[in-house]
Amino acid sequence: MNVENKTIIISGASRGIGRATALLLAQHGANVVVTARNADELAELEKQATEGHVRGKIVAVPGDVTNEDDMEAVVKTAIDQFQHIDVVINNAGYGVFKNVDELTATEWDDLMATNVKGTFLLTKAALPHLKAQASGHIVIVASDVAKRTFAGGALYTASKYAQEAFTGALRKEVRSFGIKVTGVYSGLVDSHFHAKGHGHETSQNWLKNEDMAESMLFIVSRPAHVVVDEFMIHPLSQEY
């Protein structure tokens, strides 16, 4: 599980899976550049890592994944501070769950911008550096609904199917450059993502943020010749 001195970028890192992953990777010696829109929560995360005397470092760069300049700034910070990038974890995303005729055009545009365009923009910003160094790893956190659908999930599943297609095409584009691409497909996770919130009694048997963080650590710490192309994970309590 060696990530010592690796430089890792994580989007959507202010809470949930992203936050837990940032802390765990820093505890194992990685230098983690985190981004999200909530500057206060990012600052708290950065402070927690500093006061916790973790082996690595967490650097907060507030930004919106739908803004190209913001994502360029995140990548620039990683290069300026650590001279290289080893891993990019595209984790930012959210869900809207309504029947199709109840959805608004604004809801559609906003969710697609975060879940799909955000993945594209951060990946695009990092790629020139990864190609130049002929190494790197791009992780795209989708969902198991990138491979199935359900009523009321047309918008969310469409965004995840789009991420799945993007992941597959990207994998074919960059493998010859020595760049790994992993798609992560999780089932139910007890996080702030869900309407009833983190820690609700109905989600006590779901995956924890820490379970996902440990999965990320496994994925990004494989030897240079090994790539986990796809990683599917569910709680035992969820039918699949």
Protein backbone atom coordinates (compact mmCIF):
# COMPACT_ATOMS: atom_id res chain seq x y z
CA MET A 1 0.00 0.00 0.00
CA ASN A 2 2.87 2.37 -0.82
CA VAL A 3 1.84 5.90 -1.82
CA GLU A 4 4.73 7.63 -0.07
CA ASN A 5 5.53 10.98 -1.73
CA LYS A 6 2.97 10.47 -4.48
CA THR A 7 1.12 13.61 -5.57
CA ILE A 8 -2.61 12.97 -5.71
CA ILE A 9 -5.40 15.35 -6.75
CA ILE A 10 -8.92 14.71 -5.44
CA SER A 11 -12.05 16.61 -6.47
CA GLY A 12 -15.15 16.71 -4.30
CA ALA A 13 -12.91 16.38 -1.26
CA SER A 14 -14.68 18.59 1.27
CA ARG A 15 -16.76 15.73 2.68
CA GLY A 16 -17.75 12.11 2.26
CA ILE A 17 -15.66 9.75 0.15
CA GLY A 18 -13.30 12.48 -1.05
CA ARG A 19 -12.49 13.71 2.44
CA ALA A 20 -11.95 10.23 3.86
CA THR A 21 -9.74 9.31 0.91
CA ALA A 22 -7.62 12.45 1.25
CA LEU A 23 -6.98 11.80 4.93
CA LEU A 24 -6.12 8.14 4.45
CA LEU A 25 -3.75 8.81 1.56
CA ALA A 26 -2.03 11.60 3.51
CA GLN A 27 -1.69 9.26 6.49
CA HIS A 28 0.17 6.88 4.19
CA GLY A 29 2.57 9.61 3.08
CA ALA A 30 0.96 11.02 -0.06
CA ASN A 31 0.83 14.73 -0.84
CA VAL A 32 -2.82 15.41 -1.61
CA VAL A 33 -4.18 18.46 -3.42
CA VAL A 34 -7.88 18.70 -2.63
CA THR A 35 -10.55 20.79 -4.31
CA ALA A 36 -14.25 21.49 -3.81
CA ARG A 37 -16.49 24.55 -3.76
CA ASN A 38 -16.72 24.78 0.05
CA ALA A 39 -13.57 26.65 1.05
CA ASP A 40 -14.30 26.44 4.79
CA GLU A 41 -14.63 22.66 4.77
CA LEU A 42 -11.45 22.33 2.73
CA ALA A 43 -9.58 24.58 5.17
CA GLU A 44 -10.81 22.41 8.03
CA LEU A 45 -9.56 19.30 6.23
CA GLU A 46 -6.16 20.89 5.64
CA LYS A 47 -5.99 21.88 9.31
CA GLN A 48 -6.99 18.40 10.46
CA ALA A 49 -4.15 16.87 8.46
CA THR A 50 -1.63 19.38 9.80
CA GLU A 51 -2.66 18.99 13.43
CA GLY A 52 -2.87 15.22 13.03
CA HIS A 53 0.80 15.11 12.05
CA VAL A 54 0.15 12.83 9.08
CA ARG A 55 3.12 11.69 7.04
CA GLY A 56 1.97 13.44 3.90
CA LYS A 57 0.50 16.84 3.25
CA ILE A 58 -2.93 18.13 2.27
CA VAL A 59 -3.13 21.33 0.22
CA ALA A 60 -6.56 22.90 -0.28
CA VAL A 61 -7.45 24.68 -3.52
CA PRO A 62 -11.10 25.79 -3.51
CA GLY A 63 -12.68 25.54 -6.92
CA ASP A 64 -15.64 24.49 -9.01
CA VAL A 65 -15.14 21.44 -11.26
CA THR A 66 -17.41 23.04 -13.87
CA ASN A 67 -14.96 25.94 -14.23
CA GLU A 68 -12.01 25.28 -16.53
CA ASP A 69 -9.82 28.00 -14.98
CA ASP A 70 -10.40 26.55 -11.51
CA MET A 71 -9.30 23.09 -12.59
CA GLU A 72 -6.24 24.49 -14.33
CA ALA A 73 -5.38 26.23 -11.04
CA VAL A 74 -5.69 22.97 -9.10
CA VAL A 75 -3.29 21.23 -11.45
CA LYS A 76 -0.90 24.19 -11.43
CA THR A 77 -0.80 24.12 -7.63
CA ALA A 78 0.09 20.43 -7.66
CA ILE A 79 2.91 21.00 -10.15
CA ASP A 80 4.21 24.14 -8.42
CA GLN A 81 4.32 22.54 -4.98
CA PHE A 82 5.28 18.95 -5.78
CA GLN A 83 6.73 19.10 -9.35
CA HIS A 84 4.69 16.17 -10.65
CA ILE A 85 1.28 14.47 -10.53
CA ASP A 86 0.87 10.76 -9.92
CA VAL A 87 -2.88 10.31 -9.49
CA VAL A 88 -6.04 12.27 -10.30
CA ILE A 89 -9.21 11.11 -8.53
CA ASN A 90 -12.35 12.52 -10.13
CA ASN A 91 -14.76 12.23 -7.21
CA ALA A 92 -16.99 15.32 -7.42
CA GLY A 93 -20.63 14.62 -8.09
CA TYR A 94 -24.18 14.69 -6.77
CA GLY A 95 -27.60 13.27 -7.56
CA VAL A 96 -31.10 14.46 -8.41
CA PHE A 97 -33.75 11.75 -8.33
CA LYS A 98 -37.06 12.57 -10.01
CA ASN A 99 -39.27 11.23 -12.75
CA VAL A 100 -38.38 12.62 -16.16
CA ASP A 101 -41.42 14.87 -16.44
CA GLU A 102 -40.60 16.40 -13.04
CA LEU A 103 -37.03 17.35 -13.93
CA THR A 104 -36.17 20.90 -14.94
CA ALA A 105 -33.76 21.85 -17.68
CA THR A 106 -31.65 23.66 -15.10
CA GLU A 107 -31.39 20.53 -12.93
CA TRP A 108 -30.30 18.56 -15.99
CA ASP A 109 -27.67 21.10 -17.05
CA ASP A 110 -26.26 21.64 -13.56
CA LEU A 111 -25.90 17.95 -12.71
CA MET A 112 -24.38 17.06 -16.07
CA ALA A 113 -21.96 19.96 -15.69
CA THR A 114 -20.68 18.65 -12.35
CA ASN A 115 -20.75 14.91 -12.88
CA VAL A 116 -19.65 14.77 -16.52
CA LYS A 117 -18.10 18.06 -17.57
CA GLY A 118 -16.27 18.28 -14.24
CA THR A 119 -14.64 14.91 -14.85
CA PHE A 120 -13.61 16.05 -18.32
CA LEU A 121 -12.17 19.40 -17.19
CA LEU A 122 -9.98 18.09 -14.37
CA THR A 123 -8.78 15.19 -16.49
CA LYS A 124 -8.03 17.50 -19.43
CA ALA A 125 -6.05 19.87 -17.22
CA ALA A 126 -3.87 17.07 -15.87
CA LEU A 127 -3.30 15.08 -19.08
CA PRO A 128 -0.51 17.17 -20.65
CA HIS A 129 1.59 16.71 -17.51
CA LEU A 130 0.88 12.98 -17.29
CA LYS A 131 1.70 12.49 -20.97
CA ALA A 132 4.92 14.48 -20.65
CA GLN A 133 6.11 12.32 -17.78
CA ALA A 134 4.81 9.12 -19.47
CA SER A 135 3.12 7.95 -16.31
CA GLY A 136 0.16 8.62 -14.07
CA HIS A 137 -3.20 7.30 -12.98
CA ILE A 138 -6.68 8.72 -13.54
CA VAL A 139 -9.45 7.39 -11.30
CA ILE A 140 -13.08 8.17 -12.12
CA VAL A 141 -15.56 7.55 -9.31
CA ALA A 142 -18.83 6.72 -11.00
CA SER A 143 -21.43 4.39 -9.47
CA ASP A 144 -22.85 0.94 -10.04
CA VAL A 145 -25.65 2.78 -11.85
CA ALA A 146 -23.17 3.39 -14.65
CA LYS A 147 -24.16 -0.16 -15.54
CA ARG A 148 -27.86 -0.30 -14.59
CA THR A 149 -30.90 1.98 -14.39
CA PHE A 150 -33.85 2.53 -12.07
CA ALA A 151 -37.09 4.51 -12.10
CA GLY A 152 -36.54 8.08 -10.95
CA GLY A 153 -32.88 7.92 -11.83
CA ALA A 154 -32.89 8.99 -15.47
CA LEU A 155 -30.77 12.08 -14.91
CA TYR A 156 -28.31 10.59 -12.45
CA THR A 157 -27.84 7.32 -14.33
CA ALA A 158 -27.42 9.20 -17.61
CA SER A 159 -24.56 11.14 -16.04
CA LYS A 160 -22.95 7.95 -14.78
CA TYR A 161 -23.34 6.17 -18.11
CA ALA A 162 -21.62 9.20 -19.66
CA GLN A 163 -18.78 8.89 -17.15
CA GLU A 164 -18.50 5.20 -18.01
CA ALA A 165 -18.22 5.96 -21.72
CA PHE A 166 -15.67 8.71 -21.05
CA THR A 167 -13.64 6.33 -18.88
CA GLY A 168 -13.58 3.60 -21.53
CA ALA A 169 -12.56 5.91 -24.34
CA LEU A 170 -9.93 7.64 -22.21
CA ARG A 171 -8.45 4.29 -21.24
CA LYS A 172 -7.89 3.46 -24.91
CA GLU A 173 -6.38 6.90 -25.61
CA VAL A 174 -3.77 7.03 -22.88
CA ARG A 175 -2.60 3.50 -22.18
CA SER A 176 0.21 3.80 -24.73
CA PHE A 177 1.48 6.82 -22.74
CA GLY A 178 1.88 4.67 -19.64
CA ILE A 179 -1.17 6.24 -18.00
CA LYS A 180 -3.56 4.04 -16.02
CA VAL A 181 -7.32 4.61 -15.97
CA THR A 182 -9.63 3.09 -13.37
CA GLY A 183 -13.42 3.25 -13.19
CA VAL A 184 -14.86 2.85 -9.68
CA TYR A 185 -18.42 1.57 -9.36
CA SER A 186 -19.82 1.62 -5.85
CA GLY A 187 -23.17 0.66 -4.46
CA LEU A 188 -24.83 2.33 -1.49
CA VAL A 189 -22.48 4.44 0.65
CA ASP A 190 -23.41 6.03 3.98
CA SER A 191 -22.46 9.60 3.14
CA HIS A 192 -23.89 13.13 2.87
CA PHE A 193 -24.80 12.27 -0.71
CA HIS A 194 -28.08 10.66 0.29
CA ALA A 195 -31.22 12.57 1.19
CA LYS A 196 -31.41 11.28 4.76
CA GLY A 197 -27.82 12.24 5.41
CA HIS A 198 -24.75 10.58 6.84
CA GLY A 199 -25.30 8.21 9.77
CA HIS A 200 -29.04 7.68 9.35
CA GLU A 201 -30.33 4.39 10.78
CA THR A 202 -31.48 3.24 7.33
CA SER A 203 -27.91 3.31 6.02
CA GLN A 204 -26.12 1.63 8.91
CA ASN A 205 -25.32 -1.48 6.84
CA TRP A 206 -24.15 0.42 3.77
CA LEU A 207 -20.55 0.97 2.76
CA LYS A 208 -18.75 3.60 4.84
CA ASN A 209 -16.69 6.47 3.49
CA GLU A 210 -13.70 4.74 5.05
CA ASP A 211 -14.44 1.57 3.05
CA MET A 212 -14.27 3.60 -0.13
CA ALA A 213 -11.08 5.33 1.02
CA GLU A 214 -9.41 1.98 1.64
CA SER A 215 -10.50 0.86 -1.82
CA MET A 216 -8.93 3.98 -3.34
CA LEU A 217 -5.71 3.32 -1.46
CA PHE A 218 -5.59 -0.20 -2.86
CA ILE A 219 -6.29 0.97 -6.42
CA VAL A 220 -3.65 3.72 -6.53
CA SER A 221 -0.93 1.77 -4.70
CA ARG A 222 -0.59 -1.11 -7.16
CA PRO A 223 2.86 -1.70 -8.70
CA ALA A 224 3.71 0.25 -11.86
CA HIS A 225 2.94 -2.73 -14.12
CA VAL A 226 -0.51 -3.35 -12.61
CA VAL A 227 -3.71 -1.44 -13.39
CA VAL A 228 -7.13 -2.05 -11.87
CA ASP A 229 -9.28 -1.22 -14.90
CA GLU A 230 -12.60 -1.53 -13.07
CA PHE A 231 -13.44 -1.74 -9.37
CA MET A 232 -16.98 -2.74 -8.35
CA ILE A 233 -17.89 -2.66 -4.64
CA HIS A 234 -21.17 -3.11 -2.73
CA PRO A 235 -22.36 -3.59 0.82
CA LEU A 236 -23.39 -7.17 1.46
CA SER A 237 -26.86 -5.89 2.37
CA GLN A 238 -27.46 -4.58 -1.17
CA GLU A 239 -28.78 -6.89 -3.86
CA TYR A 240 -26.80 -6.84 -7.08
